[in-house]
Amino acid sequence: MTQEPRDVRLKRLGMRSMRRGIKEMDLLLSSYADRNLAAMTDTQLDLYEELLDENDQDLLSWSTGQHPTPGRFSDLISEIVQAHHATIGRAGTD
């Protein structure tokens, strides 16, 4: 099996982040992906890709704190939500 080139993987993950099915997750994940994917290690990308395989309803409930986030995604979801709040804060100062 041929390993996917990094630039192709980043583009694919970016598209998967913005084409979710639930608009809230489109916004949350695409914003995070735009700012962070390029700097992530392969291990971090693997975890992010696993997260993208999860159901949008679950992702939304974890992101809003309605349900506890599974341990392996806990730090990543927290980082995504914090990045979103920071983006909202910056938008309010423009």
C-alpha atoms as a PDB file:
ATOM      1  CA  MET A   1       0.000   0.000   0.000  1.00  0.00           C
ATOM      2  CA  THR A   2       1.355   3.403  -0.997  1.00  0.00           C
ATOM      3  CA  GLN A   3       1.493   6.020   1.738  1.00  0.00           C
ATOM      4  CA  GLU A   4      -0.461   9.156   0.939  1.00  0.00           C
ATOM      5  CA  PRO A   5       1.745  12.258   0.512  1.00  0.00           C
ATOM      6  CA  ARG A   6       1.422  14.700   3.402  1.00  0.00           C
ATOM      7  CA  ASP A   7       0.105  17.569   1.273  1.00  0.00           C
ATOM      8  CA  VAL A   8      -2.634  15.329  -0.147  1.00  0.00           C
ATOM      9  CA  ARG A   9      -3.537  14.124   3.327  1.00  0.00           C
ATOM     10  CA  LEU A  10      -3.790  17.682   4.644  1.00  0.00           C
ATOM     11  CA  LYS A  11      -6.074  18.682   1.765  1.00  0.00           C
ATOM     12  CA  ARG A  12      -8.248  15.606   2.288  1.00  0.00           C
ATOM     13  CA  LEU A  13      -8.561  16.198   6.030  1.00  0.00           C
ATOM     14  CA  GLY A  14      -9.325  19.863   5.387  1.00  0.00           C
ATOM     15  CA  MET A  15     -12.157  18.920   3.046  1.00  0.00           C
ATOM     16  CA  ARG A  16     -13.502  16.337   5.490  1.00  0.00           C
ATOM     17  CA  SER A  17     -13.464  19.038   8.167  1.00  0.00           C
ATOM     18  CA  MET A  18     -15.621  21.417   6.152  1.00  0.00           C
ATOM     19  CA  ARG A  19     -18.057  18.935   4.597  1.00  0.00           C
ATOM     20  CA  ARG A  20     -19.547  17.359   7.698  1.00  0.00           C
ATOM     21  CA  GLY A  21     -23.308  17.433   7.402  1.00  0.00           C
ATOM     22  CA  ILE A  22     -24.038  19.597  10.438  1.00  0.00           C
ATOM     23  CA  LYS A  23     -23.252  23.244   9.791  1.00  0.00           C
ATOM     24  CA  GLU A  24     -22.008  23.805  13.344  1.00  0.00           C
ATOM     25  CA  MET A  25     -19.432  21.059  12.918  1.00  0.00           C
ATOM     26  CA  ASP A  26     -18.465  22.401   9.476  1.00  0.00           C
ATOM     27  CA  LEU A  27     -17.653  25.753  11.067  1.00  0.00           C
ATOM     28  CA  LEU A  28     -15.952  24.402  14.159  1.00  0.00           C
ATOM     29  CA  LEU A  29     -13.772  21.810  12.441  1.00  0.00           C
ATOM     30  CA  SER A  30     -12.903  23.726   9.281  1.00  0.00           C
ATOM     31  CA  SER A  31     -11.755  26.719  11.320  1.00  0.00           C
ATOM     32  CA  TYR A  32      -9.591  24.458  13.478  1.00  0.00           C
ATOM     33  CA  ALA A  33      -8.234  22.573  10.456  1.00  0.00           C
ATOM     34  CA  ASP A  34      -7.313  25.762   8.603  1.00  0.00           C
ATOM     35  CA  ARG A  35      -5.252  26.967  11.534  1.00  0.00           C
ATOM     36  CA  ASN A  36      -3.700  23.745  12.816  1.00  0.00           C
ATOM     37  CA  LEU A  37      -3.418  20.830  10.383  1.00  0.00           C
ATOM     38  CA  ALA A  38      -0.178  21.921   8.723  1.00  0.00           C
ATOM     39  CA  ALA A  39       1.656  22.077  12.064  1.00  0.00           C
ATOM     40  CA  MET A  40       0.386  18.721  13.360  1.00  0.00           C
ATOM     41  CA  THR A  41       2.576  15.641  13.588  1.00  0.00           C
ATOM     42  CA  ASP A  42       1.568  12.445  11.819  1.00  0.00           C
ATOM     43  CA  THR A  43       0.416  11.004  15.158  1.00  0.00           C
ATOM     44  CA  GLN A  44      -1.752  14.069  15.793  1.00  0.00           C
ATOM     45  CA  LEU A  45      -3.162  13.817  12.269  1.00  0.00           C
ATOM     46  CA  ASP A  46      -3.993  10.148  12.889  1.00  0.00           C
ATOM     47  CA  LEU A  47      -6.015  11.096  15.972  1.00  0.00           C
ATOM     48  CA  TYR A  48      -7.725  13.980  14.158  1.00  0.00           C
ATOM     49  CA  GLU A  49      -8.639  11.617  11.327  1.00  0.00           C
ATOM     50  CA  GLU A  50     -10.108   9.163  13.854  1.00  0.00           C
ATOM     51  CA  LEU A  51     -12.148  12.051  15.260  1.00  0.00           C
ATOM     52  CA  LEU A  52     -13.477  12.849  11.785  1.00  0.00           C
ATOM     53  CA  ASP A  53     -14.742   9.266  11.550  1.00  0.00           C
ATOM     54  CA  GLU A  54     -17.078   9.920  14.489  1.00  0.00           C
ATOM     55  CA  ASN A  55     -20.746  10.800  14.080  1.00  0.00           C
ATOM     56  CA  ASP A  56     -21.494  14.540  13.864  1.00  0.00           C
ATOM     57  CA  GLN A  57     -24.171  14.315  16.551  1.00  0.00           C
ATOM     58  CA  ASP A  58     -21.589  12.860  18.933  1.00  0.00           C
ATOM     59  CA  LEU A  59     -18.999  15.473  17.996  1.00  0.00           C
ATOM     60  CA  LEU A  60     -21.505  18.246  18.583  1.00  0.00           C
ATOM     61  CA  SER A  61     -22.581  16.876  21.960  1.00  0.00           C
ATOM     62  CA  TRP A  62     -18.938  16.525  23.052  1.00  0.00           C
ATOM     63  CA  SER A  63     -18.082  20.023  21.817  1.00  0.00           C
ATOM     64  CA  THR A  64     -20.975  21.611  23.677  1.00  0.00           C
ATOM     65  CA  GLY A  65     -20.390  19.603  26.843  1.00  0.00           C
ATOM     66  CA  GLN A  66     -23.757  17.865  26.637  1.00  0.00           C
ATOM     67  CA  HIS A  67     -22.018  14.493  26.878  1.00  0.00           C
ATOM     68  CA  PRO A  68     -18.558  13.544  28.127  1.00  0.00           C
ATOM     69  CA  THR A  69     -15.901  13.215  25.461  1.00  0.00           C
ATOM     70  CA  PRO A  70     -14.248   9.782  25.189  1.00  0.00           C
ATOM     71  CA  GLY A  71     -10.793   9.870  26.766  1.00  0.00           C
ATOM     72  CA  ARG A  72      -8.774   9.524  23.581  1.00  0.00           C
ATOM     73  CA  PHE A  73     -10.486  12.598  22.080  1.00  0.00           C
ATOM     74  CA  SER A  74     -10.796  14.664  25.241  1.00  0.00           C
ATOM     75  CA  ASP A  75      -7.725  16.881  24.747  1.00  0.00           C
ATOM     76  CA  LEU A  76      -8.384  17.313  21.030  1.00  0.00           C
ATOM     77  CA  ILE A  77     -12.026  18.342  21.504  1.00  0.00           C
ATOM     78  CA  SER A  78     -10.966  20.758  24.235  1.00  0.00           C
ATOM     79  CA  GLU A  79      -8.347  22.268  21.917  1.00  0.00           C
ATOM     80  CA  ILE A  80     -10.862  22.594  19.060  1.00  0.00           C
ATOM     81  CA  VAL A  81     -13.419  24.317  21.302  1.00  0.00           C
ATOM     82  CA  GLN A  82     -10.799  26.655  22.804  1.00  0.00           C
ATOM     83  CA  ALA A  83      -9.549  27.581  19.332  1.00  0.00           C
ATOM     84  CA  HIS A  84     -13.129  28.323  18.282  1.00  0.00           C
ATOM     85  CA  HIS A  85     -13.696  30.578  21.296  1.00  0.00           C
ATOM     86  CA  ALA A  86     -10.436  32.392  20.548  1.00  0.00           C
ATOM     87  CA  THR A  87     -11.558  32.913  16.950  1.00  0.00           C
ATOM     88  CA  ILE A  88     -14.881  34.336  18.129  1.00  0.00           C
ATOM     89  CA  GLY A  89     -13.016  36.654  20.502  1.00  0.00           C
ATOM     90  CA  ARG A  90     -10.804  37.929  17.685  1.00  0.00           C
ATOM     91  CA  ALA A  91     -13.795  38.453  15.393  1.00  0.00           C
ATOM     92  CA  GLY A  92     -15.444  40.635  18.038  1.00  0.00           C
ATOM     93  CA  THR A  93     -12.458  43.003  18.064  1.00  0.00           C
ATOM     94  CA  ASP A  94     -12.430  43.650  14.317  1.00  0.00           C
END
